[in-house]
Amino acid sequence: DTDRALVLLEEYCKKLRKPEEQQLKKAIRKVMGIFKSSLFQALLGSFKKKATRHGTTSHTSLPAALACDVLGCPKD
C-alpha cells in the first residue's frame, strides 16, 4: 500500500547523507509528495476499482511494488 511505500522511501532517504546523493534524495522526496497527493490517491483508487472489476488485482500494491523495485526489497 501507499503507506508502506512511503515508509520504505523515508527510510531510504535517511540513509542518503553524502553530497552526491542529495539529488537522488530530492527526487525521492518528490515521489513521496506525489504518493501523498490527492490526485495520486484518486487515480490509485480508480485503478484498484478497475482491476477488481476485471479480476486482475494482485497482493502487492502499485506504490509498494514501485518502492521495492527502486530499493531492492524482497517481494512477498
PDB file of N, CA and C in Angstrom:
ATOM      1  N   ASP A   1       0.822  -1.188   0.000  1.00  0.00           N
ATOM      2  CA  ASP A   1       0.000   0.000   0.000  1.00  0.00           C
ATOM      3  C   ASP A   1       0.866   1.253   0.000  1.00  0.00           C
ATOM      4  N   THR A   2       0.233   2.370  -0.189  1.00  0.00           N
ATOM      5  CA  THR A   2       0.957   3.636  -0.297  1.00  0.00           C
ATOM      6  C   THR A   2       1.721   3.949   0.976  1.00  0.00           C
ATOM      7  N   ASP A   3       1.108   3.680   2.110  1.00  0.00           N
ATOM      8  CA  ASP A   3       1.780   3.964   3.386  1.00  0.00           C
ATOM      9  C   ASP A   3       3.078   3.175   3.521  1.00  0.00           C
ATOM     10  N   ARG A   4       3.046   1.925   3.106  1.00  0.00           N
ATOM     11  CA  ARG A   4       4.256   1.082   3.170  1.00  0.00           C
ATOM     12  C   ARG A   4       5.347   1.633   2.251  1.00  0.00           C
ATOM     13  N   ALA A   5       4.940   2.052   1.064  1.00  0.00           N
ATOM     14  CA  ALA A   5       5.904   2.631   0.124  1.00  0.00           C
ATOM     15  C   ALA A   5       6.522   3.899   0.698  1.00  0.00           C
ATOM     16  N   LEU A   6       5.694   4.731   1.321  1.00  0.00           N
ATOM     17  CA  LEU A   6       6.205   5.969   1.911  1.00  0.00           C
ATOM     18  C   LEU A   6       7.190   5.689   3.039  1.00  0.00           C
ATOM     19  N   VAL A   7       6.896   4.687   3.856  1.00  0.00           N
ATOM     20  CA  VAL A   7       7.809   4.316   4.947  1.00  0.00           C
ATOM     21  C   VAL A   7       9.142   3.842   4.375  1.00  0.00           C
ATOM     22  N   LEU A   8       9.086   3.000   3.350  1.00  0.00           N
ATOM     23  CA  LEU A   8      10.316   2.492   2.728  1.00  0.00           C
ATOM     24  C   LEU A   8      11.133   3.619   2.112  1.00  0.00           C
ATOM     25  N   LEU A   9      10.461   4.518   1.436  1.00  0.00           N
ATOM     26  CA  LEU A   9      11.169   5.633   0.812  1.00  0.00           C
ATOM     27  C   LEU A   9      11.768   6.566   1.860  1.00  0.00           C
ATOM     28  N   GLU A  10      11.039   6.807   2.936  1.00  0.00           N
ATOM     29  CA  GLU A  10      11.556   7.654   4.017  1.00  0.00           C
ATOM     30  C   GLU A  10      12.791   7.029   4.656  1.00  0.00           C
ATOM     31  N   GLU A  11      12.746   5.734   4.905  1.00  0.00           N
ATOM     32  CA  GLU A  11      13.897   5.039   5.479  1.00  0.00           C
ATOM     33  C   GLU A  11      15.108   5.132   4.553  1.00  0.00           C
ATOM     34  N   TYR A  12      14.869   4.990   3.267  1.00  0.00           N
ATOM     35  CA  TYR A  12      15.954   5.078   2.304  1.00  0.00           C
ATOM     36  C   TYR A  12      16.536   6.489   2.275  1.00  0.00           C
ATOM     37  N   CYS A  13      15.669   7.489   2.319  1.00  0.00           N
ATOM     38  CA  CYS A  13      16.135   8.888   2.310  1.00  0.00           C
ATOM     39  C   CYS A  13      17.025   9.193   3.503  1.00  0.00           C
ATOM     40  N   LYS A  14      16.728   8.608   4.630  1.00  0.00           N
ATOM     41  CA  LYS A  14      17.528   8.844   5.834  1.00  0.00           C
ATOM     42  C   LYS A  14      18.964   8.349   5.656  1.00  0.00           C
ATOM     43  N   LYS A  15      19.154   7.373   4.775  1.00  0.00           N
ATOM     44  CA  LYS A  15      20.482   6.808   4.535  1.00  0.00           C
ATOM     45  C   LYS A  15      21.301   7.643   3.547  1.00  0.00           C
ATOM     46  N   LEU A  16      20.639   8.547   2.849  1.00  0.00           N
ATOM     47  CA  LEU A  16      21.312   9.362   1.834  1.00  0.00           C
ATOM     48  C   LEU A  16      21.873  10.620   2.489  1.00  0.00           C
ATOM     49  N   ARG A  17      23.152  10.580   2.809  1.00  0.00           N
ATOM     50  CA  ARG A  17      23.780  11.696   3.524  1.00  0.00           C
ATOM     51  C   ARG A  17      24.917  12.353   2.745  1.00  0.00           C
ATOM     52  N   LYS A  18      25.476  11.635   1.802  1.00  0.00           N
ATOM     53  CA  LYS A  18      26.617  12.164   1.045  1.00  0.00           C
ATOM     54  C   LYS A  18      26.143  13.280   0.109  1.00  0.00           C
ATOM     55  N   PRO A  19      27.005  14.256  -0.145  1.00  0.00           N
ATOM     56  CA  PRO A  19      26.630  15.354  -1.045  1.00  0.00           C
ATOM     57  C   PRO A  19      26.167  14.875  -2.420  1.00  0.00           C
ATOM     58  N   GLU A  20      26.818  13.847  -2.938  1.00  0.00           N
ATOM     59  CA  GLU A  20      26.448  13.356  -4.271  1.00  0.00           C
ATOM     60  C   GLU A  20      25.108  12.609  -4.278  1.00  0.00           C
ATOM     61  N   GLU A  21      24.571  12.293  -3.112  1.00  0.00           N
ATOM     62  CA  GLU A  21      23.287  11.596  -3.012  1.00  0.00           C
ATOM     63  C   GLU A  21      22.107  12.550  -2.830  1.00  0.00           C
ATOM     64  N   GLN A  22      22.391  13.831  -2.696  1.00  0.00           N
ATOM     65  CA  GLN A  22      21.326  14.788  -2.396  1.00  0.00           C
ATOM     66  C   GLN A  22      20.347  14.981  -3.553  1.00  0.00           C
ATOM     67  N   GLN A  23      20.820  14.850  -4.766  1.00  0.00           N
ATOM     68  CA  GLN A  23      19.917  14.958  -5.918  1.00  0.00           C
ATOM     69  C   GLN A  23      18.939  13.784  -5.920  1.00  0.00           C
ATOM     70  N   LEU A  24      19.429  12.593  -5.628  1.00  0.00           N
ATOM     71  CA  LEU A  24      18.561  11.422  -5.535  1.00  0.00           C
ATOM     72  C   LEU A  24      17.557  11.601  -4.401  1.00  0.00           C
ATOM     73  N   LYS A  25      18.035  12.101  -3.271  1.00  0.00           N
ATOM     74  CA  LYS A  25      17.162  12.329  -2.116  1.00  0.00           C
ATOM     75  C   LYS A  25      16.040  13.305  -2.484  1.00  0.00           C
ATOM     76  N   LYS A  26      16.381  14.347  -3.202  1.00  0.00           N
ATOM     77  CA  LYS A  26      15.394  15.336  -3.629  1.00  0.00           C
ATOM     78  C   LYS A  26      14.353  14.694  -4.550  1.00  0.00           C
ATOM     79  N   ALA A  27      14.804  13.855  -5.467  1.00  0.00           N
ATOM     80  CA  ALA A  27      13.896  13.180  -6.395  1.00  0.00           C
ATOM     81  C   ALA A  27      12.963  12.227  -5.649  1.00  0.00           C
ATOM     82  N   ILE A  28      13.495  11.509  -4.682  1.00  0.00           N
ATOM     83  CA  ILE A  28      12.674  10.585  -3.894  1.00  0.00           C
ATOM     84  C   ILE A  28      11.629  11.358  -3.102  1.00  0.00           C
ATOM     85  N   ARG A  29      12.024  12.491  -2.557  1.00  0.00           N
ATOM     86  CA  ARG A  29      11.066  13.329  -1.818  1.00  0.00           C
ATOM     87  C   ARG A  29       9.939  13.813  -2.736  1.00  0.00           C
ATOM     88  N   LYS A  30      10.242  14.095  -4.003  1.00  0.00           N
ATOM     89  CA  LYS A  30       9.204  14.476  -4.966  1.00  0.00           C
ATOM     90  C   LYS A  30       8.231  13.324  -5.175  1.00  0.00           C
ATOM     91  N   VAL A  31       8.771  12.121  -5.324  1.00  0.00           N
ATOM     92  CA  VAL A  31       7.924  10.937  -5.493  1.00  0.00           C
ATOM     93  C   VAL A  31       7.033  10.753  -4.266  1.00  0.00           C
ATOM     94  N   MET A  32       7.603  10.963  -3.093  1.00  0.00           N
ATOM     95  CA  MET A  32       6.824  10.841  -1.864  1.00  0.00           C
ATOM     96  C   MET A  32       5.682  11.861  -1.853  1.00  0.00           C
ATOM     97  N   GLY A  33       5.963  13.071  -2.316  1.00  0.00           N
ATOM     98  CA  GLY A  33       4.919  14.089  -2.397  1.00  0.00           C
ATOM     99  C   GLY A  33       3.810  13.681  -3.349  1.00  0.00           C
ATOM    100  N   ILE A  34       4.192  13.052  -4.452  1.00  0.00           N
ATOM    101  CA  ILE A  34       3.191  12.566  -5.412  1.00  0.00           C
ATOM    102  C   ILE A  34       2.340  11.479  -4.776  1.00  0.00           C
ATOM    103  N   PHE A  35       2.969  10.529  -4.081  1.00  0.00           N
ATOM    104  CA  PHE A  35       2.222   9.461  -3.421  1.00  0.00           C
ATOM    105  C   PHE A  35       1.222  10.018  -2.412  1.00  0.00           C
ATOM    106  N   LYS A  36       1.572  11.130  -1.773  1.00  0.00           N
ATOM    107  CA  LYS A  36       0.705  11.738  -0.763  1.00  0.00           C
ATOM    108  C   LYS A  36      -0.399  12.607  -1.369  1.00  0.00           C
ATOM    109  N   SER A  37      -0.286  12.939  -2.636  1.00  0.00           N
ATOM    110  CA  SER A  37      -1.233  13.857  -3.258  1.00  0.00           C
ATOM    111  C   SER A  37      -2.620  13.233  -3.417  1.00  0.00           C
ATOM    112  N   SER A  38      -3.612  14.087  -3.360  1.00  0.00           N
ATOM    113  CA  SER A  38      -4.993  13.613  -3.511  1.00  0.00           C
ATOM    114  C   SER A  38      -5.238  13.103  -4.934  1.00  0.00           C
ATOM    115  N   LEU A  39      -4.573  13.697  -5.925  1.00  0.00           N
ATOM    116  CA  LEU A  39      -4.731  13.229  -7.299  1.00  0.00           C
ATOM    117  C   LEU A  39      -4.218  11.795  -7.439  1.00  0.00           C
ATOM    118  N   PHE A  40      -3.029  11.515  -6.908  1.00  0.00           N
ATOM    119  CA  PHE A  40      -2.485  10.161  -6.981  1.00  0.00           C
ATOM    120  C   PHE A  40      -3.403   9.171  -6.268  1.00  0.00           C
ATOM    121  N   GLN A  41      -3.893   9.546  -5.099  1.00  0.00           N
ATOM    122  CA  GLN A  41      -4.781   8.666  -4.342  1.00  0.00           C
ATOM    123  C   GLN A  41      -6.062   8.382  -5.128  1.00  0.00           C
ATOM    124  N   ALA A  42      -6.597   9.394  -5.788  1.00  0.00           N
ATOM    125  CA  ALA A  42      -7.801   9.201  -6.599  1.00  0.00           C
ATOM    126  C   ALA A  42      -7.525   8.276  -7.781  1.00  0.00           C
ATOM    127  N   LEU A  43      -6.392   8.496  -8.454  1.00  0.00           N
ATOM    128  CA  LEU A  43      -6.036   7.624  -9.580  1.00  0.00           C
ATOM    129  C   LEU A  43      -5.800   6.197  -9.127  1.00  0.00           C
ATOM    130  N   LEU A  44      -5.166   6.039  -7.984  1.00  0.00           N
ATOM    131  CA  LEU A  44      -4.908   4.709  -7.449  1.00  0.00           C
ATOM    132  C   LEU A  44      -6.223   4.017  -7.108  1.00  0.00           C
ATOM    133  N   GLY A  45      -7.146   4.761  -6.516  1.00  0.00           N
ATOM    134  CA  GLY A  45      -8.461   4.207  -6.207  1.00  0.00           C
ATOM    135  C   GLY A  45      -9.190   3.764  -7.453  1.00  0.00           C
ATOM    136  N   SER A  46      -9.108   4.563  -8.504  1.00  0.00           N
ATOM    137  CA  SER A  46      -9.730   4.223  -9.781  1.00  0.00           C
ATOM    138  C   SER A  46      -9.091   2.980 -10.377  1.00  0.00           C
ATOM    139  N   PHE A  47      -7.752   2.911 -10.315  1.00  0.00           N
ATOM    140  CA  PHE A  47      -7.015   1.750 -10.817  1.00  0.00           C
ATOM    141  C   PHE A  47      -7.444   0.483 -10.071  1.00  0.00           C
ATOM    142  N   LYS A  48      -7.553   0.583  -8.737  1.00  0.00           N
ATOM    143  CA  LYS A  48      -7.936  -0.582  -7.941  1.00  0.00           C
ATOM    144  C   LYS A  48      -9.351  -1.046  -8.268  1.00  0.00           C
ATOM    145  N   LYS A  49     -10.276  -0.099  -8.443  1.00  0.00           N
ATOM    146  CA  LYS A  49     -11.657  -0.452  -8.796  1.00  0.00           C
ATOM    147  C   LYS A  49     -11.701  -1.169 -10.134  1.00  0.00           C
ATOM    148  N   LYS A  50     -10.967  -0.617 -11.108  1.00  0.00           N
ATOM    149  CA  LYS A  50     -10.941  -1.204 -12.449  1.00  0.00           C
ATOM    150  C   LYS A  50     -10.312  -2.604 -12.413  1.00  0.00           C
ATOM    151  N   ALA A  51      -9.222  -2.752 -11.673  1.00  0.00           N
ATOM    152  CA  ALA A  51      -8.546  -4.043 -11.580  1.00  0.00           C
ATOM    153  C   ALA A  51      -9.437  -5.064 -10.882  1.00  0.00           C
ATOM    154  N   THR A  52     -10.170  -4.628  -9.873  1.00  0.00           N
ATOM    155  CA  THR A  52     -11.069  -5.537  -9.157  1.00  0.00           C
ATOM    156  C   THR A  52     -12.190  -6.007 -10.080  1.00  0.00           C
ATOM    157  N   ARG A  53     -12.736  -5.086 -10.869  1.00  0.00           N
ATOM    158  CA  ARG A  53     -13.812  -5.456 -11.805  1.00  0.00           C
ATOM    159  C   ARG A  53     -13.332  -6.475 -12.827  1.00  0.00           C
ATOM    160  N   HIS A  54     -12.085  -6.370 -13.226  1.00  0.00           N
ATOM    161  CA  HIS A  54     -11.539  -7.272 -14.246  1.00  0.00           C
ATOM    162  C   HIS A  54     -10.835  -8.488 -13.643  1.00  0.00           C
ATOM    163  N   GLY A  55     -10.839  -8.575 -12.326  1.00  0.00           N
ATOM    164  CA  GLY A  55     -10.215  -9.727 -11.668  1.00  0.00           C
ATOM    165  C   GLY A  55      -8.709  -9.763 -11.788  1.00  0.00           C
ATOM    166  N   THR A  56      -8.077  -8.604 -11.865  1.00  0.00           N
ATOM    167  CA  THR A  56      -6.619  -8.569 -12.051  1.00  0.00           C
ATOM    168  C   THR A  56      -5.894  -7.961 -10.859  1.00  0.00           C
ATOM    169  N   THR A  57      -6.488  -8.023  -9.678  1.00  0.00           N
ATOM    170  CA  THR A  57      -5.814  -7.464  -8.508  1.00  0.00           C
ATOM    171  C   THR A  57      -4.663  -8.366  -8.108  1.00  0.00           C
ATOM    172  N   SER A  58      -3.663  -7.783  -7.487  1.00  0.00           N
ATOM    173  CA  SER A  58      -2.517  -8.556  -7.013  1.00  0.00           C
ATOM    174  C   SER A  58      -2.315  -8.280  -5.543  1.00  0.00           C
ATOM    175  N   HIS A  59      -1.471  -9.055  -4.899  1.00  0.00           N
ATOM    176  CA  HIS A  59      -1.224  -8.898  -3.474  1.00  0.00           C
ATOM    177  C   HIS A  59      -0.377  -7.673  -3.162  1.00  0.00           C
ATOM    178  N   THR A  60       0.465  -7.270  -4.070  1.00  0.00           N
ATOM    179  CA  THR A  60       1.345  -6.132  -3.845  1.00  0.00           C
ATOM    180  C   THR A  60       0.756  -4.905  -4.519  1.00  0.00           C
ATOM    181  N   SER A  61       0.650  -3.817  -3.793  1.00  0.00           N
ATOM    182  CA  SER A  61       0.090  -2.609  -4.365  1.00  0.00           C
ATOM    183  C   SER A  61       1.097  -1.943  -5.296  1.00  0.00           C
ATOM    184  N   LEU A  62       0.602  -1.089  -6.145  1.00  0.00           N
ATOM    185  CA  LEU A  62       1.446  -0.383  -7.100  1.00  0.00           C
ATOM    186  C   LEU A  62       2.513   0.466  -6.414  1.00  0.00           C
ATOM    187  N   PRO A  63       2.181   1.324  -5.418  1.00  0.00           N
ATOM    188  CA  PRO A  63       3.229   2.137  -4.785  1.00  0.00           C
ATOM    189  C   PRO A  63       4.265   1.300  -4.044  1.00  0.00           C
ATOM    190  N   ALA A  64       3.830   0.280  -3.322  1.00  0.00           N
ATOM    191  CA  ALA A  64       4.776  -0.557  -2.593  1.00  0.00           C
ATOM    192  C   ALA A  64       5.667  -1.327  -3.562  1.00  0.00           C
ATOM    193  N   ALA A  65       5.100  -1.800  -4.653  1.00  0.00           N
ATOM    194  CA  ALA A  65       5.890  -2.524  -5.653  1.00  0.00           C
ATOM    195  C   ALA A  65       6.942  -1.600  -6.275  1.00  0.00           C
ATOM    196  N   LEU A  66       6.546  -0.368  -6.556  1.00  0.00           N
ATOM    197  CA  LEU A  66       7.480   0.597  -7.120  1.00  0.00           C
ATOM    198  C   LEU A  66       8.619   0.880  -6.145  1.00  0.00           C
ATOM    199  N   ALA A  67       8.285   1.117  -4.886  1.00  0.00           N
ATOM    200  CA  ALA A  67       9.311   1.397  -3.887  1.00  0.00           C
ATOM    201  C   ALA A  67      10.251   0.210  -3.733  1.00  0.00           C
ATOM    202  N   CYS A  68       9.692  -0.986  -3.713  1.00  0.00           N
ATOM    203  CA  CYS A  68      10.532  -2.185  -3.567  1.00  0.00           C
ATOM    204  C   CYS A  68      11.420  -2.382  -4.792  1.00  0.00           C
ATOM    205  N   ASP A  69      10.917  -2.082  -5.966  1.00  0.00           N
ATOM    206  CA  ASP A  69      11.754  -2.190  -7.162  1.00  0.00           C
ATOM    207  C   ASP A  69      12.922  -1.217  -7.078  1.00  0.00           C
ATOM    208  N   VAL A  70      12.657  -0.005  -6.627  1.00  0.00           N
ATOM    209  CA  VAL A  70      13.707   1.013  -6.529  1.00  0.00           C
ATOM    210  C   VAL A  70      14.708   0.654  -5.438  1.00  0.00           C
ATOM    211  N   LEU A  71      14.192   0.169  -4.301  1.00  0.00           N
ATOM    212  CA  LEU A  71      15.047  -0.073  -3.142  1.00  0.00           C
ATOM    213  C   LEU A  71      15.597  -1.494  -3.082  1.00  0.00           C
ATOM    214  N   GLY A  72      15.112  -2.372  -3.946  1.00  0.00           N
ATOM    215  CA  GLY A  72      15.604  -3.742  -3.937  1.00  0.00           C
ATOM    216  C   GLY A  72      15.031  -4.571  -2.800  1.00  0.00           C
ATOM    217  N   CYS A  73      13.807  -4.290  -2.383  1.00  0.00           N
ATOM    218  CA  CYS A  73      13.178  -5.026  -1.291  1.00  0.00           C
ATOM    219  C   CYS A  73      12.756  -6.412  -1.781  1.00  0.00           C
ATOM    220  N   PRO A  74      12.747  -7.388  -0.881  1.00  0.00           N
ATOM    221  CA  PRO A  74      12.229  -8.695  -1.279  1.00  0.00           C
ATOM    222  C   PRO A  74      10.732  -8.609  -1.504  1.00  0.00           C
ATOM    223  N   LYS A  75      10.244  -9.331  -2.492  1.00  0.00           N
ATOM    224  CA  LYS A  75       8.802  -9.312  -2.803  1.00  0.00           C
ATOM    225  C   LYS A  75       8.107 -10.437  -2.047  1.00  0.00           C
ATOM    226  N   ASP A  76       6.838 -10.168  -1.685  1.00  0.00           N
ATOM    227  CA  ASP A  76       6.034 -11.170  -0.943  1.00  0.00           C
ATOM    228  C   ASP A  76       5.643 -12.311  -1.831  1.00  0.00           C
TER     229      ASP A  76
END
